[in-house]
Amino acid sequence: MLAGLIKRLGKIETNARNNKRSAAVSVLIAQAKLAGSWVDRTENRNANVNYAISDQSMTDPEWAERYVTGH
C-alpha cells in the first residue's frame, strides 16, 4: 500500500513540476512523510514560571532587596 501511494505521488510530482513548482515541493514532502524520512519537530521553550499571590504587599525595603540589582 505504501509503495503504491509513493508511486502515485511520483506521478503527481511529475505533473506538478510542469505546472507549479510549489506544488512539486508539497508532493515531495508528502512522499518523504509517507516513507518515514520526514520528521516534524517542534520545540517548546516555555519557562517554568511560578507565580505567588500574597494578601500582603511587600514593604519598600523588601521590594528593593528582591528586585533592585546591586542592592
N, C-alpha and C. Protein backbone atom coordinates (compact mmCIF):
# COMPACT_ATOMS: atom_id res chain seq x y z
N MET A 1 0.82 -1.20 0.00
CA MET A 1 0.00 0.00 0.00
C MET A 1 0.86 1.26 0.00
N LEU A 2 1.87 1.30 0.88
CA LEU A 2 2.74 2.47 0.94
C LEU A 2 3.48 2.66 -0.37
N ALA A 3 3.97 1.58 -0.94
CA ALA A 3 4.69 1.68 -2.21
C ALA A 3 3.78 2.22 -3.31
N GLY A 4 2.52 1.82 -3.30
CA GLY A 4 1.56 2.32 -4.29
C GLY A 4 1.30 3.81 -4.12
N LEU A 5 1.18 4.24 -2.86
CA LEU A 5 0.97 5.67 -2.61
C LEU A 5 2.17 6.49 -3.07
N ILE A 6 3.36 5.97 -2.80
CA ILE A 6 4.56 6.69 -3.22
C ILE A 6 4.64 6.76 -4.74
N LYS A 7 4.26 5.67 -5.41
CA LYS A 7 4.27 5.66 -6.88
C LYS A 7 3.27 6.68 -7.43
N ARG A 8 2.07 6.71 -6.86
CA ARG A 8 1.05 7.68 -7.30
C ARG A 8 1.51 9.10 -7.06
N LEU A 9 2.14 9.34 -5.90
CA LEU A 9 2.64 10.68 -5.62
C LEU A 9 3.77 11.06 -6.58
N GLY A 10 4.53 10.07 -7.02
CA GLY A 10 5.58 10.34 -8.01
C GLY A 10 5.00 10.84 -9.32
N LYS A 11 3.89 10.26 -9.74
CA LYS A 11 3.22 10.72 -10.97
C LYS A 11 2.67 12.12 -10.78
N ILE A 12 2.10 12.37 -9.61
CA ILE A 12 1.58 13.72 -9.31
C ILE A 12 2.73 14.72 -9.33
N GLU A 13 3.86 14.31 -8.78
CA GLU A 13 5.03 15.20 -8.76
C GLU A 13 5.45 15.57 -10.17
N THR A 14 5.49 14.59 -11.05
CA THR A 14 5.89 14.86 -12.44
C THR A 14 4.95 15.89 -13.07
N ASN A 15 3.67 15.72 -12.86
CA ASN A 15 2.70 16.67 -13.40
C ASN A 15 2.84 18.04 -12.73
N ALA A 16 3.09 18.05 -11.44
CA ALA A 16 3.20 19.31 -10.72
C ALA A 16 4.42 20.10 -11.17
N ARG A 17 5.50 19.41 -11.47
CA ARG A 17 6.71 20.11 -11.94
C ARG A 17 6.44 20.88 -13.23
N ASN A 18 5.57 20.36 -14.04
CA ASN A 18 5.25 21.03 -15.30
C ASN A 18 4.38 22.26 -15.09
N ASN A 19 3.67 22.32 -13.97
CA ASN A 19 2.73 23.42 -13.75
C ASN A 19 3.21 24.41 -12.68
N LYS A 20 3.39 23.94 -11.47
CA LYS A 20 3.77 24.83 -10.38
C LYS A 20 4.84 24.18 -9.54
N ARG A 21 5.87 24.93 -9.29
CA ARG A 21 6.98 24.40 -8.52
C ARG A 21 6.61 24.15 -7.05
N SER A 22 5.81 25.03 -6.45
CA SER A 22 5.45 24.87 -5.04
C SER A 22 4.63 23.60 -4.83
N ALA A 23 3.83 23.24 -5.80
CA ALA A 23 3.06 22.00 -5.70
C ALA A 23 4.00 20.80 -5.69
N ALA A 24 5.07 20.86 -6.46
CA ALA A 24 6.03 19.76 -6.50
C ALA A 24 6.72 19.60 -5.15
N VAL A 25 7.02 20.70 -4.51
CA VAL A 25 7.64 20.65 -3.19
C VAL A 25 6.68 20.00 -2.19
N SER A 26 5.41 20.36 -2.25
CA SER A 26 4.42 19.76 -1.37
C SER A 26 4.32 18.26 -1.57
N VAL A 27 4.39 17.84 -2.81
CA VAL A 27 4.33 16.41 -3.11
C VAL A 27 5.56 15.70 -2.58
N LEU A 28 6.72 16.30 -2.74
CA LEU A 28 7.94 15.69 -2.23
C LEU A 28 7.91 15.55 -0.71
N ILE A 29 7.37 16.55 -0.04
CA ILE A 29 7.24 16.47 1.43
C ILE A 29 6.29 15.35 1.80
N ALA A 30 5.19 15.23 1.08
CA ALA A 30 4.23 14.16 1.35
C ALA A 30 4.89 12.79 1.15
N GLN A 31 5.69 12.65 0.10
CA GLN A 31 6.39 11.39 -0.14
C GLN A 31 7.36 11.08 1.00
N ALA A 32 8.09 12.08 1.42
CA ALA A 32 9.06 11.86 2.50
C ALA A 32 8.36 11.47 3.79
N LYS A 33 7.21 12.08 4.06
CA LYS A 33 6.45 11.72 5.27
C LYS A 33 5.96 10.29 5.19
N LEU A 34 5.45 9.88 4.03
CA LEU A 34 4.97 8.51 3.86
C LEU A 34 6.09 7.50 4.01
N ALA A 35 7.26 7.85 3.54
CA ALA A 35 8.40 6.94 3.60
C ALA A 35 9.07 6.95 4.97
N GLY A 36 8.64 7.86 5.84
CA GLY A 36 9.22 7.96 7.17
C GLY A 36 10.53 8.72 7.20
N SER A 37 10.83 9.44 6.13
CA SER A 37 12.08 10.20 6.06
C SER A 37 11.91 11.64 6.50
N TRP A 38 10.71 12.06 6.76
CA TRP A 38 10.43 13.44 7.16
C TRP A 38 9.89 13.41 8.57
N VAL A 39 10.51 14.18 9.44
CA VAL A 39 10.07 14.24 10.83
C VAL A 39 9.73 15.68 11.16
N ASP A 40 8.49 15.92 11.57
CA ASP A 40 8.10 17.26 12.02
C ASP A 40 8.49 17.39 13.48
N ARG A 41 9.26 18.41 13.78
CA ARG A 41 9.68 18.63 15.17
C ARG A 41 9.28 20.03 15.60
N THR A 42 8.82 20.10 16.81
CA THR A 42 8.55 21.40 17.41
C THR A 42 9.30 21.47 18.73
N GLU A 43 9.61 22.66 19.12
CA GLU A 43 10.33 22.84 20.37
C GLU A 43 9.54 23.82 21.23
N ASN A 44 9.29 23.40 22.44
CA ASN A 44 8.55 24.24 23.38
C ASN A 44 9.56 24.91 24.30
N ARG A 45 9.64 26.21 24.24
CA ARG A 45 10.60 26.93 25.06
C ARG A 45 9.93 27.69 26.19
N ASN A 46 8.80 27.22 26.64
CA ASN A 46 8.14 27.86 27.77
C ASN A 46 8.94 27.62 29.03
N ALA A 47 9.22 28.68 29.74
CA ALA A 47 9.95 28.54 31.00
C ALA A 47 8.96 28.15 32.09
N ASN A 48 9.45 27.39 33.01
CA ASN A 48 8.60 27.06 34.16
C ASN A 48 8.57 28.26 35.08
N VAL A 49 7.43 28.90 35.14
CA VAL A 49 7.27 30.11 35.94
C VAL A 49 6.22 29.84 36.99
N ASN A 50 6.57 30.16 38.19
CA ASN A 50 5.62 30.02 39.29
C ASN A 50 5.28 31.41 39.82
N TYR A 51 4.02 31.69 39.88
CA TYR A 51 3.56 32.97 40.39
C TYR A 51 2.94 32.74 41.76
N ALA A 52 3.29 33.60 42.67
CA ALA A 52 2.71 33.52 44.01
C ALA A 52 1.97 34.82 44.27
N ILE A 53 0.78 34.70 44.75
CA ILE A 53 -0.04 35.87 45.07
C ILE A 53 -0.21 35.90 46.58
N SER A 54 0.09 37.05 47.13
CA SER A 54 0.00 37.21 48.58
C SER A 54 -1.09 38.22 48.91
N ASP A 55 -1.64 38.07 50.07
CA ASP A 55 -2.65 39.04 50.50
C ASP A 55 -1.99 40.24 51.18
N GLN A 56 -0.65 40.22 51.32
CA GLN A 56 0.07 41.33 51.92
C GLN A 56 1.10 41.86 50.93
N SER A 57 1.16 43.16 50.82
CA SER A 57 2.14 43.79 49.94
C SER A 57 3.52 43.75 50.57
N MET A 58 4.55 43.74 49.72
CA MET A 58 5.91 43.83 50.23
C MET A 58 6.18 45.26 50.68
N THR A 59 7.02 45.38 51.64
CA THR A 59 7.45 46.72 52.05
C THR A 59 8.44 47.23 51.03
N ASP A 60 8.70 48.53 51.04
CA ASP A 60 9.67 49.10 50.09
C ASP A 60 11.05 48.46 50.23
N PRO A 61 11.57 48.27 51.45
CA PRO A 61 12.88 47.61 51.56
C PRO A 61 12.85 46.16 51.04
N GLU A 62 11.76 45.43 51.27
CA GLU A 62 11.65 44.05 50.76
C GLU A 62 11.66 44.04 49.24
N TRP A 63 10.92 44.96 48.65
CA TRP A 63 10.85 45.04 47.19
C TRP A 63 12.22 45.37 46.62
N ALA A 64 12.90 46.36 47.21
CA ALA A 64 14.22 46.77 46.74
C ALA A 64 15.21 45.62 46.85
N GLU A 65 15.16 44.87 47.95
CA GLU A 65 16.08 43.76 48.12
C GLU A 65 15.86 42.68 47.08
N ARG A 66 14.64 42.48 46.70
CA ARG A 66 14.32 41.41 45.74
C ARG A 66 14.55 41.83 44.29
N TYR A 67 14.22 43.07 43.94
CA TYR A 67 14.19 43.45 42.53
C TYR A 67 15.24 44.46 42.08
N VAL A 68 15.89 45.15 42.98
CA VAL A 68 16.86 46.16 42.58
C VAL A 68 18.24 45.52 42.53
N THR A 69 18.88 45.57 41.37
CA THR A 69 20.20 44.96 41.23
C THR A 69 21.26 45.86 41.87
N GLY A 70 22.28 45.24 42.42
CA GLY A 70 23.34 45.98 43.06
C GLY A 70 22.96 46.50 44.43
N HIS A 71 21.88 46.01 44.96
CA HIS A 71 21.42 46.47 46.26
C HIS A 71 22.05 45.65 47.37
